Amino acid sequence: MSDLSDIRREYTQGGLRRADLPNNPMDLFETWLTQAKDAHLSDPTAMCVATVDAQGQPYQRIVLLKRFDNNGFVFFTNLESRKSTQLATNNKISLLFPWHNLDRQVAVTGHAEPLSMIEVAKYFMSRPKDSQIAAWVSKQSSKISARQALEGKFAEMKAKFAQGDVPLPKFWGGYLVRPDSIEFWQGGEHRLHDRFLYQKDTDSNWQIDRLAP
């Protein structure tokens, strides 16, 4: 077994103080995401999405955030995928934005709601044509014999849709994640990290607490 115990570094990029926190966590999220983009991080909108199956087994995967506002966070996916199947029976969900180079992470808990067909179609038509075709090709999370099967199907569908628009697949959609809590983590020296947790109370107002690192 490899010993990884000596791999560590200090987090020295600055702290996070209560006086810096807006009342609305989405305002701070927008600031941090803008700073992540301005820092030219690789895939600043990438987030780890966690769902749970019927047996209580958690699953995680990286998905790209496509939109956010005061209602929550939006992503798109195949509705026959593992994540969608799990959300159909348990819509509780967790998101994690890992901005390592800034010594930051944002963790979200909440529940996922399917987007309307109008919202899904609007985004689908904005995608590059090859991405639209790829949505038709992959039966996400299903077993396949070889990569060549995917490539062959892609070539077939590309020829089929060579002329005109690519229609929206019935099995393709998206979700709005309405947050119940949002935690902001800023790395600190000597492992004295700054953590602030926003949680909604019974009146849907945001309460803020500092957490021990």
N, C-alpha and C. Protein backbone atom coordinates (compact mmCIF):
# COMPACT_ATOMS: atom_id res chain seq x y z
N MET A 1 0.84 -1.20 0.00
CA MET A 1 0.00 0.00 0.00
C MET A 1 0.88 1.25 0.00
N SER A 2 0.56 2.21 -0.86
CA SER A 2 1.35 3.44 -0.93
C SER A 2 1.05 4.32 0.28
N ASP A 3 2.11 4.93 0.82
CA ASP A 3 1.96 5.84 1.96
C ASP A 3 1.87 7.26 1.42
N LEU A 4 0.75 7.91 1.61
CA LEU A 4 0.52 9.26 1.11
C LEU A 4 0.49 10.29 2.24
N SER A 5 0.89 9.88 3.43
CA SER A 5 0.72 10.73 4.61
C SER A 5 1.56 11.99 4.58
N ASP A 6 2.64 12.00 3.76
CA ASP A 6 3.52 13.18 3.74
C ASP A 6 3.14 14.16 2.64
N ILE A 7 2.04 13.92 1.92
CA ILE A 7 1.60 14.84 0.87
C ILE A 7 0.69 15.88 1.50
N ARG A 8 1.18 17.09 1.59
CA ARG A 8 0.40 18.18 2.18
C ARG A 8 0.96 19.51 1.73
N ARG A 9 0.19 20.55 1.85
CA ARG A 9 0.66 21.89 1.58
C ARG A 9 -0.11 22.86 2.46
N GLU A 10 0.42 24.06 2.60
CA GLU A 10 -0.28 25.09 3.35
C GLU A 10 -1.23 25.85 2.42
N TYR A 11 -2.36 26.27 2.96
CA TYR A 11 -3.33 27.07 2.21
C TYR A 11 -3.15 28.53 2.63
N THR A 12 -2.64 29.33 1.70
CA THR A 12 -2.19 30.69 2.07
C THR A 12 -2.80 31.80 1.23
N GLN A 13 -3.89 31.49 0.51
CA GLN A 13 -4.41 32.48 -0.42
C GLN A 13 -5.40 33.47 0.20
N GLY A 14 -5.55 33.41 1.50
CA GLY A 14 -6.42 34.40 2.14
C GLY A 14 -7.56 33.76 2.87
N GLY A 15 -8.15 34.53 3.79
CA GLY A 15 -9.23 34.00 4.60
C GLY A 15 -10.59 34.51 4.15
N LEU A 16 -11.60 34.09 4.89
CA LEU A 16 -12.98 34.51 4.65
C LEU A 16 -13.55 34.92 6.00
N ARG A 17 -14.02 36.16 6.09
CA ARG A 17 -14.52 36.69 7.35
C ARG A 17 -16.02 36.92 7.25
N ARG A 18 -16.69 36.87 8.39
CA ARG A 18 -18.13 37.03 8.40
C ARG A 18 -18.54 38.39 7.81
N ALA A 19 -17.73 39.40 8.05
CA ALA A 19 -18.04 40.74 7.53
C ALA A 19 -18.05 40.77 6.01
N ASP A 20 -17.42 39.77 5.38
CA ASP A 20 -17.36 39.72 3.91
C ASP A 20 -18.58 39.03 3.31
N LEU A 21 -19.45 38.46 4.14
CA LEU A 21 -20.51 37.61 3.63
C LEU A 21 -21.77 38.40 3.31
N PRO A 22 -22.30 38.26 2.10
CA PRO A 22 -23.60 38.87 1.77
C PRO A 22 -24.73 38.06 2.41
N ASN A 23 -25.90 38.66 2.50
CA ASN A 23 -27.04 37.94 3.06
C ASN A 23 -27.49 36.78 2.17
N ASN A 24 -27.30 36.95 0.86
CA ASN A 24 -27.71 35.93 -0.10
C ASN A 24 -26.49 35.14 -0.55
N PRO A 25 -26.44 33.82 -0.29
CA PRO A 25 -25.27 33.04 -0.67
C PRO A 25 -25.02 33.01 -2.18
N MET A 26 -26.07 33.20 -2.99
CA MET A 26 -25.88 33.17 -4.44
C MET A 26 -25.04 34.35 -4.90
N ASP A 27 -25.04 35.45 -4.15
CA ASP A 27 -24.19 36.59 -4.49
C ASP A 27 -22.73 36.23 -4.29
N LEU A 28 -22.43 35.55 -3.19
CA LEU A 28 -21.04 35.13 -2.95
C LEU A 28 -20.63 34.06 -3.95
N PHE A 29 -21.56 33.14 -4.27
CA PHE A 29 -21.24 32.12 -5.28
C PHE A 29 -20.89 32.77 -6.61
N GLU A 30 -21.66 33.77 -7.00
CA GLU A 30 -21.38 34.46 -8.27
C GLU A 30 -20.01 35.11 -8.26
N THR A 31 -19.65 35.73 -7.14
CA THR A 31 -18.32 36.35 -7.01
C THR A 31 -17.22 35.30 -7.12
N TRP A 32 -17.38 34.21 -6.41
CA TRP A 32 -16.34 33.17 -6.43
C TRP A 32 -16.24 32.51 -7.81
N LEU A 33 -17.37 32.27 -8.46
CA LEU A 33 -17.32 31.67 -9.79
C LEU A 33 -16.65 32.62 -10.78
N THR A 34 -16.95 33.90 -10.70
CA THR A 34 -16.30 34.89 -11.57
C THR A 34 -14.80 34.90 -11.34
N GLN A 35 -14.39 34.82 -10.09
CA GLN A 35 -12.96 34.79 -9.78
C GLN A 35 -12.31 33.50 -10.28
N ALA A 36 -13.03 32.40 -10.23
CA ALA A 36 -12.51 31.13 -10.75
C ALA A 36 -12.32 31.22 -12.26
N LYS A 37 -13.27 31.85 -12.96
CA LYS A 37 -13.13 32.03 -14.41
C LYS A 37 -11.99 32.99 -14.73
N ASP A 38 -11.89 34.08 -13.97
CA ASP A 38 -10.84 35.06 -14.21
C ASP A 38 -9.46 34.48 -13.94
N ALA A 39 -9.38 33.49 -13.06
CA ALA A 39 -8.10 32.83 -12.75
C ALA A 39 -7.74 31.78 -13.79
N HIS A 40 -8.61 31.62 -14.80
CA HIS A 40 -8.40 30.67 -15.90
C HIS A 40 -8.25 29.23 -15.39
N LEU A 41 -9.06 28.89 -14.37
CA LEU A 41 -9.06 27.51 -13.92
C LEU A 41 -9.63 26.61 -15.00
N SER A 42 -9.14 25.39 -15.03
CA SER A 42 -9.68 24.42 -15.97
C SER A 42 -11.09 24.03 -15.52
N ASP A 43 -12.05 24.17 -16.41
CA ASP A 43 -13.44 23.80 -16.13
C ASP A 43 -13.96 24.41 -14.83
N PRO A 44 -14.02 25.74 -14.73
CA PRO A 44 -14.49 26.37 -13.49
C PRO A 44 -15.95 26.06 -13.17
N THR A 45 -16.73 25.64 -14.16
CA THR A 45 -18.14 25.32 -13.91
C THR A 45 -18.35 23.83 -13.60
N ALA A 46 -17.27 23.06 -13.53
CA ALA A 46 -17.40 21.63 -13.23
C ALA A 46 -17.80 21.44 -11.77
N MET A 47 -18.74 20.55 -11.55
CA MET A 47 -19.19 20.27 -10.19
C MET A 47 -19.39 18.77 -10.04
N CYS A 48 -19.11 18.28 -8.85
CA CYS A 48 -19.37 16.88 -8.53
C CYS A 48 -20.82 16.77 -8.08
N VAL A 49 -21.59 15.93 -8.75
CA VAL A 49 -23.01 15.74 -8.45
C VAL A 49 -23.18 14.38 -7.77
N ALA A 50 -23.75 14.39 -6.57
CA ALA A 50 -23.95 13.16 -5.81
C ALA A 50 -25.44 12.85 -5.68
N THR A 51 -25.79 11.60 -6.00
CA THR A 51 -27.15 11.10 -5.84
C THR A 51 -27.07 9.76 -5.12
N VAL A 52 -28.23 9.23 -4.71
CA VAL A 52 -28.29 7.99 -3.94
C VAL A 52 -29.30 7.04 -4.59
N ASP A 53 -28.92 5.75 -4.69
CA ASP A 53 -29.86 4.80 -5.30
C ASP A 53 -30.83 4.25 -4.26
N ALA A 54 -31.69 3.34 -4.68
CA ALA A 54 -32.76 2.83 -3.82
C ALA A 54 -32.21 2.04 -2.64
N GLN A 55 -30.99 1.54 -2.74
CA GLN A 55 -30.37 0.79 -1.65
C GLN A 55 -29.53 1.68 -0.73
N GLY A 56 -29.53 2.99 -1.00
CA GLY A 56 -28.77 3.91 -0.16
C GLY A 56 -27.32 4.07 -0.58
N GLN A 57 -26.95 3.51 -1.74
CA GLN A 57 -25.58 3.62 -2.23
C GLN A 57 -25.38 4.97 -2.92
N PRO A 58 -24.44 5.81 -2.43
CA PRO A 58 -24.19 7.09 -3.10
C PRO A 58 -23.38 6.89 -4.39
N TYR A 59 -23.64 7.76 -5.36
CA TYR A 59 -22.87 7.81 -6.60
C TYR A 59 -22.48 9.26 -6.86
N GLN A 60 -21.29 9.45 -7.46
CA GLN A 60 -20.83 10.79 -7.78
C GLN A 60 -20.32 10.82 -9.21
N ARG A 61 -20.44 11.99 -9.84
CA ARG A 61 -19.89 12.18 -11.17
C ARG A 61 -19.72 13.69 -11.41
N ILE A 62 -18.85 14.04 -12.36
CA ILE A 62 -18.63 15.45 -12.69
C ILE A 62 -19.60 15.87 -13.79
N VAL A 63 -20.29 16.97 -13.55
CA VAL A 63 -21.25 17.54 -14.49
C VAL A 63 -20.96 19.04 -14.59
N LEU A 64 -21.27 19.64 -15.72
CA LEU A 64 -21.04 21.08 -15.89
C LEU A 64 -22.28 21.88 -15.51
N LEU A 65 -22.08 22.89 -14.67
CA LEU A 65 -23.14 23.84 -14.35
C LEU A 65 -23.41 24.70 -15.57
N LYS A 66 -24.68 24.86 -15.92
CA LYS A 66 -25.02 25.62 -17.12
C LYS A 66 -25.72 26.94 -16.84
N ARG A 67 -26.29 27.07 -15.65
CA ARG A 67 -26.96 28.32 -15.30
C ARG A 67 -27.21 28.33 -13.81
N PHE A 68 -27.27 29.52 -13.22
CA PHE A 68 -27.68 29.62 -11.83
C PHE A 68 -28.32 30.99 -11.61
N ASP A 69 -29.22 31.04 -10.64
CA ASP A 69 -29.85 32.29 -10.22
C ASP A 69 -30.33 32.07 -8.79
N ASN A 70 -31.17 32.96 -8.29
CA ASN A 70 -31.62 32.83 -6.91
C ASN A 70 -32.47 31.59 -6.67
N ASN A 71 -32.97 30.98 -7.74
CA ASN A 71 -33.74 29.74 -7.59
C ASN A 71 -32.85 28.53 -7.38
N GLY A 72 -31.63 28.56 -7.93
CA GLY A 72 -30.74 27.43 -7.77
C GLY A 72 -29.80 27.23 -8.94
N PHE A 73 -29.39 25.97 -9.12
CA PHE A 73 -28.34 25.59 -10.06
C PHE A 73 -28.92 24.65 -11.12
N VAL A 74 -28.55 24.86 -12.38
CA VAL A 74 -29.13 24.10 -13.49
C VAL A 74 -28.06 23.27 -14.20
N PHE A 75 -28.40 22.00 -14.46
CA PHE A 75 -27.56 21.16 -15.33
C PHE A 75 -28.46 20.31 -16.22
N PHE A 76 -27.86 19.76 -17.29
CA PHE A 76 -28.61 18.98 -18.27
C PHE A 76 -27.99 17.58 -18.38
N THR A 77 -28.82 16.60 -18.74
CA THR A 77 -28.35 15.23 -18.78
C THR A 77 -29.34 14.34 -19.53
N ASN A 78 -28.93 13.10 -19.78
CA ASN A 78 -29.81 12.08 -20.34
C ASN A 78 -30.77 11.63 -19.23
N LEU A 79 -32.06 11.65 -19.51
CA LEU A 79 -33.05 11.30 -18.50
C LEU A 79 -33.12 9.80 -18.22
N GLU A 80 -32.39 9.00 -19.01
CA GLU A 80 -32.30 7.56 -18.75
C GLU A 80 -30.99 7.19 -18.07
N SER A 81 -30.22 8.20 -17.69
CA SER A 81 -28.93 7.96 -17.05
C SER A 81 -29.12 7.47 -15.62
N ARG A 82 -28.04 7.01 -15.02
CA ARG A 82 -28.09 6.54 -13.64
C ARG A 82 -28.54 7.66 -12.70
N LYS A 83 -27.99 8.86 -12.90
CA LYS A 83 -28.34 9.96 -11.99
C LYS A 83 -29.83 10.29 -12.08
N SER A 84 -30.38 10.30 -13.30
CA SER A 84 -31.79 10.62 -13.47
C SER A 84 -32.68 9.54 -12.89
N THR A 85 -32.31 8.28 -13.07
CA THR A 85 -33.07 7.18 -12.49
C THR A 85 -33.11 7.29 -10.98
N GLN A 86 -31.97 7.65 -10.38
CA GLN A 86 -31.91 7.80 -8.93
C GLN A 86 -32.71 9.01 -8.45
N LEU A 87 -32.63 10.11 -9.19
CA LEU A 87 -33.38 11.31 -8.80
C LEU A 87 -34.89 11.10 -8.92
N ALA A 88 -35.31 10.18 -9.77
CA ALA A 88 -36.74 9.91 -9.93
C ALA A 88 -37.34 9.30 -8.67
N THR A 89 -36.52 8.59 -7.88
CA THR A 89 -37.01 7.96 -6.66
C THR A 89 -36.57 8.71 -5.40
N ASN A 90 -35.51 9.50 -5.51
CA ASN A 90 -35.02 10.29 -4.38
C ASN A 90 -34.38 11.54 -4.95
N ASN A 91 -35.09 12.67 -4.86
CA ASN A 91 -34.60 13.88 -5.53
C ASN A 91 -33.64 14.70 -4.67
N LYS A 92 -33.21 14.15 -3.53
CA LYS A 92 -32.18 14.82 -2.75
C LYS A 92 -30.85 14.72 -3.49
N ILE A 93 -30.07 15.80 -3.45
CA ILE A 93 -28.87 15.88 -4.27
C ILE A 93 -27.83 16.75 -3.57
N SER A 94 -26.58 16.51 -3.90
CA SER A 94 -25.49 17.33 -3.39
C SER A 94 -24.57 17.72 -4.53
N LEU A 95 -24.09 18.97 -4.50
CA LEU A 95 -23.15 19.48 -5.50
C LEU A 95 -21.88 19.93 -4.79
N LEU A 96 -20.75 19.77 -5.45
CA LEU A 96 -19.49 20.27 -4.90
C LEU A 96 -18.68 20.91 -6.02
N PHE A 97 -18.29 22.17 -5.81
CA PHE A 97 -17.42 22.89 -6.75
C PHE A 97 -16.00 22.90 -6.16
N PRO A 98 -15.05 22.19 -6.79
CA PRO A 98 -13.70 22.06 -6.23
C PRO A 98 -12.70 23.01 -6.90
N TRP A 99 -12.61 24.22 -6.39
CA TRP A 99 -11.69 25.20 -6.97
C TRP A 99 -10.36 25.16 -6.22
N HIS A 100 -9.61 24.06 -6.45
CA HIS A 100 -8.38 23.79 -5.68
C HIS A 100 -7.36 24.91 -5.79
N ASN A 101 -7.18 25.44 -6.99
CA ASN A 101 -6.12 26.44 -7.19
C ASN A 101 -6.38 27.73 -6.43
N LEU A 102 -7.60 27.94 -6.01
CA LEU A 102 -7.94 29.12 -5.21
C LEU A 102 -8.12 28.76 -3.74
N ASP A 103 -7.82 27.50 -3.39
CA ASP A 103 -8.01 27.01 -2.02
C ASP A 103 -9.46 27.18 -1.59
N ARG A 104 -10.39 26.86 -2.49
CA ARG A 104 -11.80 27.06 -2.20
C ARG A 104 -12.62 25.86 -2.64
N GLN A 105 -13.72 25.68 -1.96
CA GLN A 105 -14.75 24.76 -2.44
C GLN A 105 -16.10 25.25 -1.95
N VAL A 106 -17.14 24.92 -2.72
CA VAL A 106 -18.51 25.25 -2.35
C VAL A 106 -19.32 23.96 -2.39
N ALA A 107 -19.99 23.65 -1.28
CA ALA A 107 -20.80 22.43 -1.18
C ALA A 107 -22.26 22.81 -1.02
N VAL A 108 -23.11 22.18 -1.83
CA VAL A 108 -24.54 22.49 -1.86
C VAL A 108 -25.33 21.23 -1.56
N THR A 109 -26.34 21.35 -0.71
CA THR A 109 -27.34 20.28 -0.56
C THR A 109 -28.70 20.85 -0.94
N GLY A 110 -29.55 19.99 -1.49
CA GLY A 110 -30.87 20.46 -1.88
C GLY A 110 -31.65 19.35 -2.55
N HIS A 111 -32.60 19.75 -3.37
CA HIS A 111 -33.40 18.77 -4.11
C HIS A 111 -33.51 19.21 -5.56
N ALA A 112 -33.61 18.23 -6.44
CA ALA A 112 -33.61 18.48 -7.89
C ALA A 112 -35.03 18.41 -8.45
N GLU A 113 -35.35 19.38 -9.30
CA GLU A 113 -36.64 19.42 -9.98
C GLU A 113 -36.42 19.36 -11.49
N PRO A 114 -37.15 18.53 -12.21
CA PRO A 114 -37.00 18.50 -13.67
C PRO A 114 -37.35 19.84 -14.29
N LEU A 115 -36.60 20.23 -15.31
CA LEU A 115 -36.88 21.46 -16.04
C LEU A 115 -38.02 21.24 -17.03
N SER A 116 -38.67 22.31 -17.43
CA SER A 116 -39.73 22.22 -18.42
C SER A 116 -39.13 21.90 -19.79
N MET A 117 -39.96 21.34 -20.66
CA MET A 117 -39.52 21.00 -22.01
C MET A 117 -39.08 22.25 -22.76
N ILE A 118 -39.70 23.38 -22.49
CA ILE A 118 -39.33 24.63 -23.15
C ILE A 118 -37.91 25.04 -22.76
N GLU A 119 -37.60 24.95 -21.47
CA GLU A 119 -36.25 25.30 -21.00
C GLU A 119 -35.21 24.35 -21.58
N VAL A 120 -35.54 23.07 -21.61
CA VAL A 120 -34.60 22.07 -22.14
C VAL A 120 -34.36 22.30 -23.63
N ALA A 121 -35.42 22.52 -24.39
CA ALA A 121 -35.29 22.73 -25.84
C ALA A 121 -34.46 23.98 -26.14
N LYS A 122 -34.69 25.03 -25.37
CA LYS A 122 -33.94 26.28 -25.59
C LYS A 122 -32.44 26.04 -25.43
N TYR A 123 -32.06 25.31 -24.38
CA TYR A 123 -30.63 25.05 -24.20
C TYR A 123 -30.10 24.07 -25.25
N PHE A 124 -30.89 23.02 -25.55
CA PHE A 124 -30.43 22.01 -26.50
C PHE A 124 -30.10 22.64 -27.85
N MET A 125 -30.93 23.58 -28.31
CA MET A 125 -30.70 24.20 -29.61
C MET A 125 -29.51 25.14 -29.60
N SER A 126 -29.03 25.51 -28.41
CA SER A 126 -27.85 26.38 -28.33
C SER A 126 -26.55 25.58 -28.37
N ARG A 127 -26.63 24.27 -28.25
CA ARG A 127 -25.43 23.44 -28.22
C ARG A 127 -24.84 23.30 -29.63
N PRO A 128 -23.52 23.04 -29.71
CA PRO A 128 -22.92 22.73 -31.01
C PRO A 128 -23.61 21.50 -31.62
N LYS A 129 -23.68 21.45 -32.95
CA LYS A 129 -24.43 20.38 -33.60
C LYS A 129 -23.88 19.00 -33.24
N ASP A 130 -22.56 18.85 -33.17
CA ASP A 130 -21.99 17.55 -32.82
C ASP A 130 -22.41 17.13 -31.41
N SER A 131 -22.55 18.09 -30.49
CA SER A 131 -23.00 17.76 -29.14
C SER A 131 -24.47 17.34 -29.16
N GLN A 132 -25.26 17.97 -30.01
CA GLN A 132 -26.66 17.57 -30.15
C GLN A 132 -26.74 16.13 -30.67
N ILE A 133 -25.92 15.82 -31.66
CA ILE A 133 -25.92 14.47 -32.23
C ILE A 133 -25.47 13.45 -31.18
N ALA A 134 -24.45 13.82 -30.39
CA ALA A 134 -23.95 12.91 -29.36
C ALA A 134 -25.03 12.55 -28.36
N ALA A 135 -25.95 13.48 -28.10
CA ALA A 135 -27.05 13.18 -27.17
C ALA A 135 -27.91 12.03 -27.69
N TRP A 136 -28.05 11.92 -29.02
CA TRP A 136 -28.82 10.83 -29.62
C TRP A 136 -28.06 9.51 -29.58
N VAL A 137 -26.74 9.58 -29.57
CA VAL A 137 -25.91 8.39 -29.73
C VAL A 137 -25.80 7.58 -28.45
N SER A 138 -25.59 8.27 -27.31
CA SER A 138 -25.25 7.58 -26.08
C SER A 138 -26.47 7.28 -25.22
N LYS A 139 -26.69 6.00 -24.95
CA LYS A 139 -27.67 5.60 -23.93
C LYS A 139 -26.92 5.58 -22.61
N GLN A 140 -26.86 6.75 -21.99
CA GLN A 140 -25.94 6.99 -20.89
C GLN A 140 -26.08 5.97 -19.76
N SER A 141 -24.93 5.51 -19.28
CA SER A 141 -24.79 4.57 -18.16
C SER A 141 -25.06 3.12 -18.54
N SER A 142 -25.52 2.86 -19.77
CA SER A 142 -25.75 1.47 -20.18
C SER A 142 -24.43 0.83 -20.61
N LYS A 143 -24.39 -0.50 -20.60
CA LYS A 143 -23.19 -1.23 -21.00
C LYS A 143 -23.10 -1.28 -22.52
N ILE A 144 -21.87 -1.11 -23.04
CA ILE A 144 -21.65 -1.20 -24.49
C ILE A 144 -20.49 -2.16 -24.75
N SER A 145 -20.47 -2.71 -25.96
CA SER A 145 -19.46 -3.73 -26.28
C SER A 145 -18.08 -3.13 -26.52
N ALA A 146 -18.02 -1.97 -27.17
CA ALA A 146 -16.73 -1.35 -27.50
C ALA A 146 -16.97 0.10 -27.89
N ARG A 147 -15.88 0.87 -27.88
CA ARG A 147 -15.99 2.27 -28.28
C ARG A 147 -16.42 2.39 -29.74
N GLN A 148 -16.02 1.43 -30.55
CA GLN A 148 -16.37 1.48 -31.97
C GLN A 148 -17.87 1.52 -32.18
N ALA A 149 -18.63 0.93 -31.24
CA ALA A 149 -20.08 0.96 -31.36
C ALA A 149 -20.59 2.39 -31.24
N LEU A 150 -19.99 3.17 -30.33
CA LEU A 150 -20.37 4.56 -30.18
C LEU A 150 -20.00 5.37 -31.41
N GLU A 151 -18.76 5.16 -31.88
CA GLU A 151 -18.28 5.93 -33.03
C GLU A 151 -19.10 5.62 -34.28
N GLY A 152 -19.47 4.35 -34.44
CA GLY A 152 -20.28 3.96 -35.59
C GLY A 152 -21.66 4.59 -35.53
N LYS A 153 -22.25 4.59 -34.34
CA LYS A 153 -23.57 5.19 -34.17
C LYS A 153 -23.51 6.70 -34.40
N PHE A 154 -22.42 7.33 -33.95
CA PHE A 154 -22.27 8.77 -34.15
C PHE A 154 -22.21 9.10 -35.64
N ALA A 155 -21.41 8.32 -36.38
CA ALA A 155 -21.30 8.54 -37.84
C ALA A 155 -22.66 8.36 -38.51
N GLU A 156 -23.41 7.35 -38.07
CA GLU A 156 -24.73 7.09 -38.64
C GLU A 156 -25.68 8.26 -38.38
N MET A 157 -25.68 8.75 -37.14
CA MET A 157 -26.60 9.84 -36.79
C MET A 157 -26.16 11.16 -37.41
N LYS A 158 -24.86 11.33 -37.57
CA LYS A 158 -24.37 12.55 -38.21
C LYS A 158 -24.83 12.61 -39.66
N ALA A 159 -24.81 11.47 -40.32
CA ALA A 159 -25.29 11.42 -41.70
C ALA A 159 -26.81 11.65 -41.75
N LYS A 160 -27.51 11.10 -40.80
CA LYS A 160 -28.96 11.24 -40.76
C LYS A 160 -29.39 12.70 -40.58
N PHE A 161 -28.63 13.44 -39.75
CA PHE A 161 -28.98 14.82 -39.45
C PHE A 161 -28.09 15.82 -40.20
N ALA A 162 -27.51 15.37 -41.30
CA ALA A 162 -26.60 16.24 -42.05
C ALA A 162 -27.31 17.50 -42.54
N GLN A 163 -28.56 17.34 -42.89
CA GLN A 163 -29.34 18.47 -43.39
C GLN A 163 -30.38 18.87 -42.33
N GLY A 164 -30.41 20.13 -42.02
CA GLY A 164 -31.44 20.62 -41.09
C GLY A 164 -31.03 20.52 -39.64
N ASP A 165 -31.99 20.83 -38.78
CA ASP A 165 -31.75 20.86 -37.34
C ASP A 165 -31.80 19.46 -36.74
N VAL A 166 -31.12 19.30 -35.61
CA VAL A 166 -31.17 18.05 -34.86
C VAL A 166 -32.33 18.17 -33.86
N PRO A 167 -33.29 17.26 -33.90
CA PRO A 167 -34.43 17.36 -32.97
C PRO A 167 -34.02 17.01 -31.54
N LEU A 168 -34.79 17.52 -30.61
CA LEU A 168 -34.55 17.24 -29.19
C LEU A 168 -34.98 15.81 -28.88
N PRO A 169 -34.07 14.97 -28.35
CA PRO A 169 -34.48 13.61 -27.96
C PRO A 169 -35.46 13.66 -26.79
N LYS A 170 -36.43 12.76 -26.78
CA LYS A 170 -37.40 12.71 -25.70
C LYS A 170 -36.74 12.32 -24.38
N PHE A 171 -35.58 11.65 -24.46
CA PHE A 171 -34.91 11.15 -23.26
C PHE A 171 -33.83 12.12 -22.75
N TRP A 172 -33.84 13.35 -23.22
CA TRP A 172 -32.82 14.32 -22.82
C TRP A 172 -33.50 15.47 -22.09
N GLY A 173 -32.92 15.88 -20.95
CA GLY A 173 -33.55 16.93 -20.16
C GLY A 173 -32.58 17.60 -19.21
N GLY A 174 -33.12 18.19 -18.16
CA GLY A 174 -32.28 18.90 -17.21
C GLY A 174 -32.97 19.07 -15.87
N TYR A 175 -32.21 19.61 -14.92
CA TYR A 175 -32.71 19.77 -13.55
C TYR A 175 -32.34 21.13 -12.99
N LEU A 176 -33.23 21.63 -12.14
CA LEU A 176 -32.94 22.77 -11.29
C LEU A 176 -32.72 22.23 -9.89
N VAL A 177 -31.54 22.51 -9.33
CA VAL A 177 -31.25 22.12 -7.95
C VAL A 177 -31.56 23.30 -7.04
N ARG A 178 -32.62 23.15 -6.26
CA ARG A 178 -32.99 24.19 -5.30
C ARG A 178 -32.23 23.94 -4.00
N PRO A 179 -31.36 24.85 -3.59
CA PRO A 179 -30.51 24.58 -2.44
C PRO A 179 -31.22 24.75 -1.10
N ASP A 180 -30.92 23.85 -0.17
CA ASP A 180 -31.33 23.99 1.23
C ASP A 180 -30.16 24.50 2.08
N SER A 181 -28.95 24.19 1.64
CA SER A 181 -27.76 24.70 2.32
C SER A 181 -26.65 24.92 1.30
N ILE A 182 -25.81 25.91 1.58
CA ILE A 182 -24.63 26.18 0.75
C ILE A 182 -23.48 26.49 1.71
N GLU A 183 -22.42 25.71 1.61
CA GLU A 183 -21.25 25.93 2.47
C GLU A 183 -20.07 26.44 1.64
N PHE A 184 -19.45 27.52 2.12
CA PHE A 184 -18.27 28.09 1.48
C PHE A 184 -17.05 27.75 2.34
N TRP A 185 -16.04 27.16 1.71
CA TRP A 185 -14.82 26.72 2.38
C TRP A 185 -13.63 27.46 1.77
N GLN A 186 -12.90 28.16 2.61
CA GLN A 186 -11.68 28.84 2.17
C GLN A 186 -10.52 28.29 2.99
N GLY A 187 -9.52 27.73 2.30
CA GLY A 187 -8.37 27.15 2.99
C GLY A 187 -7.62 28.19 3.81
N GLY A 188 -7.13 27.77 4.98
CA GLY A 188 -6.38 28.66 5.85
C GLY A 188 -5.09 28.02 6.33
N GLU A 189 -4.16 28.85 6.76
CA GLU A 189 -2.88 28.34 7.25
C GLU A 189 -3.08 27.46 8.49
N HIS A 190 -2.16 26.49 8.65
CA HIS A 190 -2.15 25.58 9.80
C HIS A 190 -3.45 24.78 9.91
N ARG A 191 -4.11 24.58 8.77
CA ARG A 191 -5.38 23.84 8.69
C ARG A 191 -6.52 24.55 9.44
N LEU A 192 -6.37 25.83 9.71
CA LEU A 192 -7.44 26.61 10.34
C LEU A 192 -8.28 27.25 9.23
N HIS A 193 -9.00 26.40 8.53
CA HIS A 193 -9.79 26.84 7.39
C HIS A 193 -11.01 27.65 7.84
N ASP A 194 -11.50 28.48 6.92
CA ASP A 194 -12.73 29.23 7.16
C ASP A 194 -13.88 28.55 6.46
N ARG A 195 -14.92 28.23 7.24
CA ARG A 195 -16.11 27.56 6.70
C ARG A 195 -17.35 28.31 7.18
N PHE A 196 -18.19 28.68 6.22
CA PHE A 196 -19.45 29.33 6.56
C PHE A 196 -20.59 28.58 5.88
N LEU A 197 -21.60 28.26 6.68
CA LEU A 197 -22.74 27.50 6.20
C LEU A 197 -23.99 28.37 6.18
N TYR A 198 -24.57 28.49 4.98
CA TYR A 198 -25.87 29.13 4.81
C TYR A 198 -26.94 28.03 4.81
N GLN A 199 -27.95 28.18 5.66
CA GLN A 199 -29.06 27.23 5.69
C GLN A 199 -30.38 27.98 5.70
N LYS A 200 -31.36 27.44 5.00
CA LYS A 200 -32.68 28.06 4.98
C LYS A 200 -33.46 27.67 6.24
N ASP A 201 -34.10 28.68 6.86
CA ASP A 201 -34.96 28.39 8.00
C ASP A 201 -36.38 28.12 7.53
N THR A 202 -37.31 28.00 8.47
CA THR A 202 -38.69 27.64 8.12
C THR A 202 -39.39 28.72 7.31
N ASP A 203 -38.86 29.94 7.34
CA ASP A 203 -39.42 31.04 6.56
C ASP A 203 -38.66 31.27 5.26
N SER A 204 -37.78 30.31 4.90
CA SER A 204 -36.95 30.37 3.68
C SER A 204 -35.97 31.54 3.70
N ASN A 205 -35.60 31.99 4.89
CA ASN A 205 -34.53 32.98 5.02
C ASN A 205 -33.22 32.26 5.26
N TRP A 206 -32.13 32.88 4.81
CA TRP A 206 -30.82 32.26 4.96
C TRP A 206 -30.22 32.61 6.33
N GLN A 207 -29.86 31.57 7.08
CA GLN A 207 -29.14 31.73 8.35
C GLN A 207 -27.68 31.35 8.12
N ILE A 208 -26.76 32.10 8.73
CA ILE A 208 -25.33 31.90 8.50
C ILE A 208 -24.65 31.46 9.79
N ASP A 209 -23.86 30.40 9.71
CA ASP A 209 -23.08 29.92 10.84
C ASP A 209 -21.65 29.64 10.40
N ARG A 210 -20.70 29.97 11.28
CA ARG A 210 -19.32 29.58 11.05
C ARG A 210 -19.13 28.16 11.59
N LEU A 211 -18.45 27.32 10.82
CA LEU A 211 -18.18 25.95 11.23
C LEU A 211 -16.71 25.77 11.56
N ALA A 212 -16.42 24.91 12.51
CA ALA A 212 -15.03 24.58 12.82
C ALA A 212 -14.40 23.89 11.62
N PRO A 213 -13.13 24.13 11.35
CA PRO A 213 -12.48 23.51 10.18
C PRO A 213 -12.35 22.00 10.34
